[in-house]
Amino acid sequence: MDQLQILQPFSDWVSDVLVDIPDETVAYVFNIYEENDAYLVDITGTSTFDASCEDWTDDINWDSGNEMFIIPKENFEGDWEEIHDAIAEALEALMDAEGELADALCDSDAVAVGFIDGELEIIWQEE
């Protein structure tokens, strides 16, 4: 499973979970988790964003709850860096597409992706 194979199910999942977002949400973080047999992704929304301070991710005011995007490891032959890149590329493609979902994400101050215990990559930031 590569970025192209991830794109449609990932887009469908984001569309399903990105609802009832508080007005105070200004940034989104797509968190990746590694389990024994799968990679999982959830989304958190934050009420602050400051690119110079990683603590902005602590101001969570919304999350996707138990609704996780699941990629079984048997369907993805890459390592953790490749799954990160595949999710980031799918997210960038989703944001480049026209539509309500892209508009919702691009109306924020920033969108980031990364492993829950690692560094975040800001893939979109309001200029």
C-alpha atoms as a PDB file:
ATOM      1  CA  MET A   1       0.000   0.000   0.000  1.00  0.00           C
ATOM      2  CA  ASP A   2       1.512   3.303  -1.045  1.00  0.00           C
ATOM      3  CA  GLN A   3       0.389   6.928  -1.018  1.00  0.00           C
ATOM      4  CA  LEU A   4      -1.928   6.428  -3.983  1.00  0.00           C
ATOM      5  CA  GLN A   5      -3.578   3.414  -2.366  1.00  0.00           C
ATOM      6  CA  ILE A   6      -3.922   5.273   0.932  1.00  0.00           C
ATOM      7  CA  LEU A   7      -5.382   8.465  -0.562  1.00  0.00           C
ATOM      8  CA  GLN A   8      -9.037   7.507  -1.102  1.00  0.00           C
ATOM      9  CA  PRO A   9      -9.637   5.592   2.145  1.00  0.00           C
ATOM     10  CA  PHE A  10      -7.675   8.263   4.042  1.00  0.00           C
ATOM     11  CA  SER A  11      -9.749  11.034   2.449  1.00  0.00           C
ATOM     12  CA  ASP A  12     -12.966   9.179   3.294  1.00  0.00           C
ATOM     13  CA  TRP A  13     -11.853   8.726   6.897  1.00  0.00           C
ATOM     14  CA  VAL A  14     -10.858  12.390   7.325  1.00  0.00           C
ATOM     15  CA  SER A  15     -14.192  13.449   5.850  1.00  0.00           C
ATOM     16  CA  ASP A  16     -16.061  11.189   8.277  1.00  0.00           C
ATOM     17  CA  VAL A  17     -14.256  12.340  11.429  1.00  0.00           C
ATOM     18  CA  LEU A  18     -13.644  16.028  10.714  1.00  0.00           C
ATOM     19  CA  VAL A  19     -17.076  17.129  11.930  1.00  0.00           C
ATOM     20  CA  ASP A  20     -18.398  19.271  14.773  1.00  0.00           C
ATOM     21  CA  ILE A  21     -15.127  21.175  15.062  1.00  0.00           C
ATOM     22  CA  PRO A  22     -15.195  23.969  17.677  1.00  0.00           C
ATOM     23  CA  ASP A  23     -14.813  27.472  16.248  1.00  0.00           C
ATOM     24  CA  GLU A  24     -11.761  27.947  18.483  1.00  0.00           C
ATOM     25  CA  THR A  25      -9.809  25.223  16.638  1.00  0.00           C
ATOM     26  CA  VAL A  26      -6.937  26.885  14.773  1.00  0.00           C
ATOM     27  CA  ALA A  27      -4.636  23.969  13.866  1.00  0.00           C
ATOM     28  CA  TYR A  28      -4.734  20.224  13.241  1.00  0.00           C
ATOM     29  CA  VAL A  29      -2.265  17.483  14.087  1.00  0.00           C
ATOM     30  CA  PHE A  30      -2.402  14.096  12.379  1.00  0.00           C
ATOM     31  CA  ASN A  31      -0.806  11.774  14.942  1.00  0.00           C
ATOM     32  CA  ILE A  32       0.687   8.459  13.809  1.00  0.00           C
ATOM     33  CA  TYR A  33       1.005   5.507  16.203  1.00  0.00           C
ATOM     34  CA  GLU A  34       2.878   2.270  15.593  1.00  0.00           C
ATOM     35  CA  GLU A  35       1.330  -0.906  16.960  1.00  0.00           C
ATOM     36  CA  ASN A  36       2.611  -4.472  16.542  1.00  0.00           C
ATOM     37  CA  ASP A  37       0.480  -5.184  13.487  1.00  0.00           C
ATOM     38  CA  ALA A  38      -0.664  -1.785  12.216  1.00  0.00           C
ATOM     39  CA  TYR A  39      -0.073   1.931  11.956  1.00  0.00           C
ATOM     40  CA  LEU A  40      -2.872   4.097  13.372  1.00  0.00           C
ATOM     41  CA  VAL A  41      -3.691   7.746  12.717  1.00  0.00           C
ATOM     42  CA  ASP A  42      -5.887  10.104  14.706  1.00  0.00           C
ATOM     43  CA  ILE A  43      -6.514  13.837  14.479  1.00  0.00           C
ATOM     44  CA  THR A  44      -6.358  16.469  17.187  1.00  0.00           C
ATOM     45  CA  GLY A  45      -7.433  20.064  16.879  1.00  0.00           C
ATOM     46  CA  THR A  46      -5.755  22.771  18.923  1.00  0.00           C
ATOM     47  CA  SER A  47      -6.876  26.174  20.111  1.00  0.00           C
ATOM     48  CA  THR A  48      -3.412  27.697  19.614  1.00  0.00           C
ATOM     49  CA  PHE A  49      -0.607  27.533  17.069  1.00  0.00           C
ATOM     50  CA  ASP A  50       2.950  28.813  17.381  1.00  0.00           C
ATOM     51  CA  ALA A  51       5.498  27.319  14.981  1.00  0.00           C
ATOM     52  CA  SER A  52       8.345  28.393  17.273  1.00  0.00           C
ATOM     53  CA  CYS A  53       6.993  26.460  20.268  1.00  0.00           C
ATOM     54  CA  GLU A  54       6.074  22.774  20.201  1.00  0.00           C
ATOM     55  CA  ASP A  55       3.770  23.221  23.209  1.00  0.00           C
ATOM     56  CA  TRP A  56       0.969  24.440  20.927  1.00  0.00           C
ATOM     57  CA  THR A  57       0.061  20.787  20.393  1.00  0.00           C
ATOM     58  CA  ASP A  58      -0.880  20.517  24.085  1.00  0.00           C
ATOM     59  CA  ASP A  59      -3.831  22.904  23.710  1.00  0.00           C
ATOM     60  CA  ILE A  60      -6.172  20.209  22.365  1.00  0.00           C
ATOM     61  CA  ASN A  61      -9.791  21.288  22.093  1.00  0.00           C
ATOM     62  CA  TRP A  62     -11.013  18.556  19.714  1.00  0.00           C
ATOM     63  CA  ASP A  63     -10.006  15.051  18.702  1.00  0.00           C
ATOM     64  CA  SER A  64     -11.227  12.264  16.473  1.00  0.00           C
ATOM     65  CA  GLY A  65     -11.801  10.053  19.501  1.00  0.00           C
ATOM     66  CA  ASN A  66     -11.719   6.323  18.883  1.00  0.00           C
ATOM     67  CA  GLU A  67     -12.101   6.821  15.136  1.00  0.00           C
ATOM     68  CA  MET A  68      -8.635   5.826  13.945  1.00  0.00           C
ATOM     69  CA  PHE A  69      -7.360   5.348  10.403  1.00  0.00           C
ATOM     70  CA  ILE A  70      -5.753   1.907  10.366  1.00  0.00           C
ATOM     71  CA  ILE A  71      -3.069   0.679   7.980  1.00  0.00           C
ATOM     72  CA  PRO A  72      -2.249  -2.998   8.605  1.00  0.00           C
ATOM     73  CA  LYS A  73       1.498  -3.601   8.433  1.00  0.00           C
ATOM     74  CA  GLU A  74       0.849  -6.572   6.147  1.00  0.00           C
ATOM     75  CA  ASN A  75      -0.458  -4.053   3.575  1.00  0.00           C
ATOM     76  CA  PHE A  76       2.500  -1.681   3.888  1.00  0.00           C
ATOM     77  CA  GLU A  77       6.047  -2.870   3.369  1.00  0.00           C
ATOM     78  CA  GLY A  78       7.840   0.331   4.365  1.00  0.00           C
ATOM     79  CA  ASP A  79       9.380   1.436   7.625  1.00  0.00           C
ATOM     80  CA  TRP A  80       8.162   4.168   9.972  1.00  0.00           C
ATOM     81  CA  GLU A  81       9.694   6.937   7.851  1.00  0.00           C
ATOM     82  CA  GLU A  82       7.928   5.669   4.744  1.00  0.00           C
ATOM     83  CA  ILE A  83       4.542   5.454   6.484  1.00  0.00           C
ATOM     84  CA  HIS A  84       5.070   9.021   7.741  1.00  0.00           C
ATOM     85  CA  ASP A  85       5.848  10.161   4.195  1.00  0.00           C
ATOM     86  CA  ALA A  86       2.864   8.274   2.752  1.00  0.00           C
ATOM     87  CA  ILE A  87       0.462   9.873   5.261  1.00  0.00           C
ATOM     88  CA  ALA A  88       1.998  13.343   4.734  1.00  0.00           C
ATOM     89  CA  GLU A  89       1.760  12.986   0.945  1.00  0.00           C
ATOM     90  CA  ALA A  90      -1.841  11.759   1.145  1.00  0.00           C
ATOM     91  CA  LEU A  91      -2.692  14.713   3.387  1.00  0.00           C
ATOM     92  CA  GLU A  92      -0.983  17.172   1.030  1.00  0.00           C
ATOM     93  CA  ALA A  93      -2.871  15.694  -1.936  1.00  0.00           C
ATOM     94  CA  LEU A  94      -6.115  15.971   0.020  1.00  0.00           C
ATOM     95  CA  MET A  95      -5.409  19.622   0.806  1.00  0.00           C
ATOM     96  CA  ASP A  96      -4.503  20.365  -2.826  1.00  0.00           C
ATOM     97  CA  ALA A  97      -7.845  19.010  -4.024  1.00  0.00           C
ATOM     98  CA  GLU A  98     -10.779  21.363  -4.286  1.00  0.00           C
ATOM     99  CA  GLY A  99     -13.678  20.831  -1.929  1.00  0.00           C
ATOM    100  CA  GLU A 100     -15.067  21.341   1.546  1.00  0.00           C
ATOM    101  CA  LEU A 101     -12.542  19.075   3.208  1.00  0.00           C
ATOM    102  CA  ALA A 102      -9.547  20.900   1.746  1.00  0.00           C
ATOM    103  CA  ASP A 103     -11.196  24.226   2.588  1.00  0.00           C
ATOM    104  CA  ALA A 104     -11.752  23.167   6.203  1.00  0.00           C
ATOM    105  CA  LEU A 105      -8.105  22.198   6.656  1.00  0.00           C
ATOM    106  CA  CYS A 106      -6.742  25.233   4.801  1.00  0.00           C
ATOM    107  CA  ASP A 107      -8.927  27.579   6.864  1.00  0.00           C
ATOM    108  CA  SER A 108      -6.760  26.686   9.855  1.00  0.00           C
ATOM    109  CA  ASP A 109      -3.448  28.270  10.830  1.00  0.00           C
ATOM    110  CA  ALA A 110      -1.519  25.022  10.347  1.00  0.00           C
ATOM    111  CA  VAL A 111      -1.686  21.305   9.653  1.00  0.00           C
ATOM    112  CA  ALA A 112       1.016  18.991  10.997  1.00  0.00           C
ATOM    113  CA  VAL A 113       1.747  15.274  10.845  1.00  0.00           C
ATOM    114  CA  GLY A 114       4.064  13.064  12.857  1.00  0.00           C
ATOM    115  CA  PHE A 115       4.511  10.129  15.165  1.00  0.00           C
ATOM    116  CA  ILE A 116       2.986  10.731  18.564  1.00  0.00           C
ATOM    117  CA  ASP A 117       6.373  10.483  20.304  1.00  0.00           C
ATOM    118  CA  GLY A 118       8.428  12.225  17.627  1.00  0.00           C
ATOM    119  CA  GLU A 119       8.857  15.510  15.851  1.00  0.00           C
ATOM    120  CA  LEU A 120       6.022  17.030  13.876  1.00  0.00           C
ATOM    121  CA  GLU A 121       6.277  18.113  10.281  1.00  0.00           C
ATOM    122  CA  ILE A 122       4.186  21.183   9.526  1.00  0.00           C
ATOM    123  CA  ILE A 123       2.916  20.439   6.045  1.00  0.00           C
ATOM    124  CA  TRP A 124       0.727  23.504   5.710  1.00  0.00           C
ATOM    125  CA  GLN A 125       0.860  26.879   7.410  1.00  0.00           C
ATOM    126  CA  GLU A 126      -1.173  30.013   6.796  1.00  0.00           C
ATOM    127  CA  GLU A 127       0.997  32.733   5.333  1.00  0.00           C
END
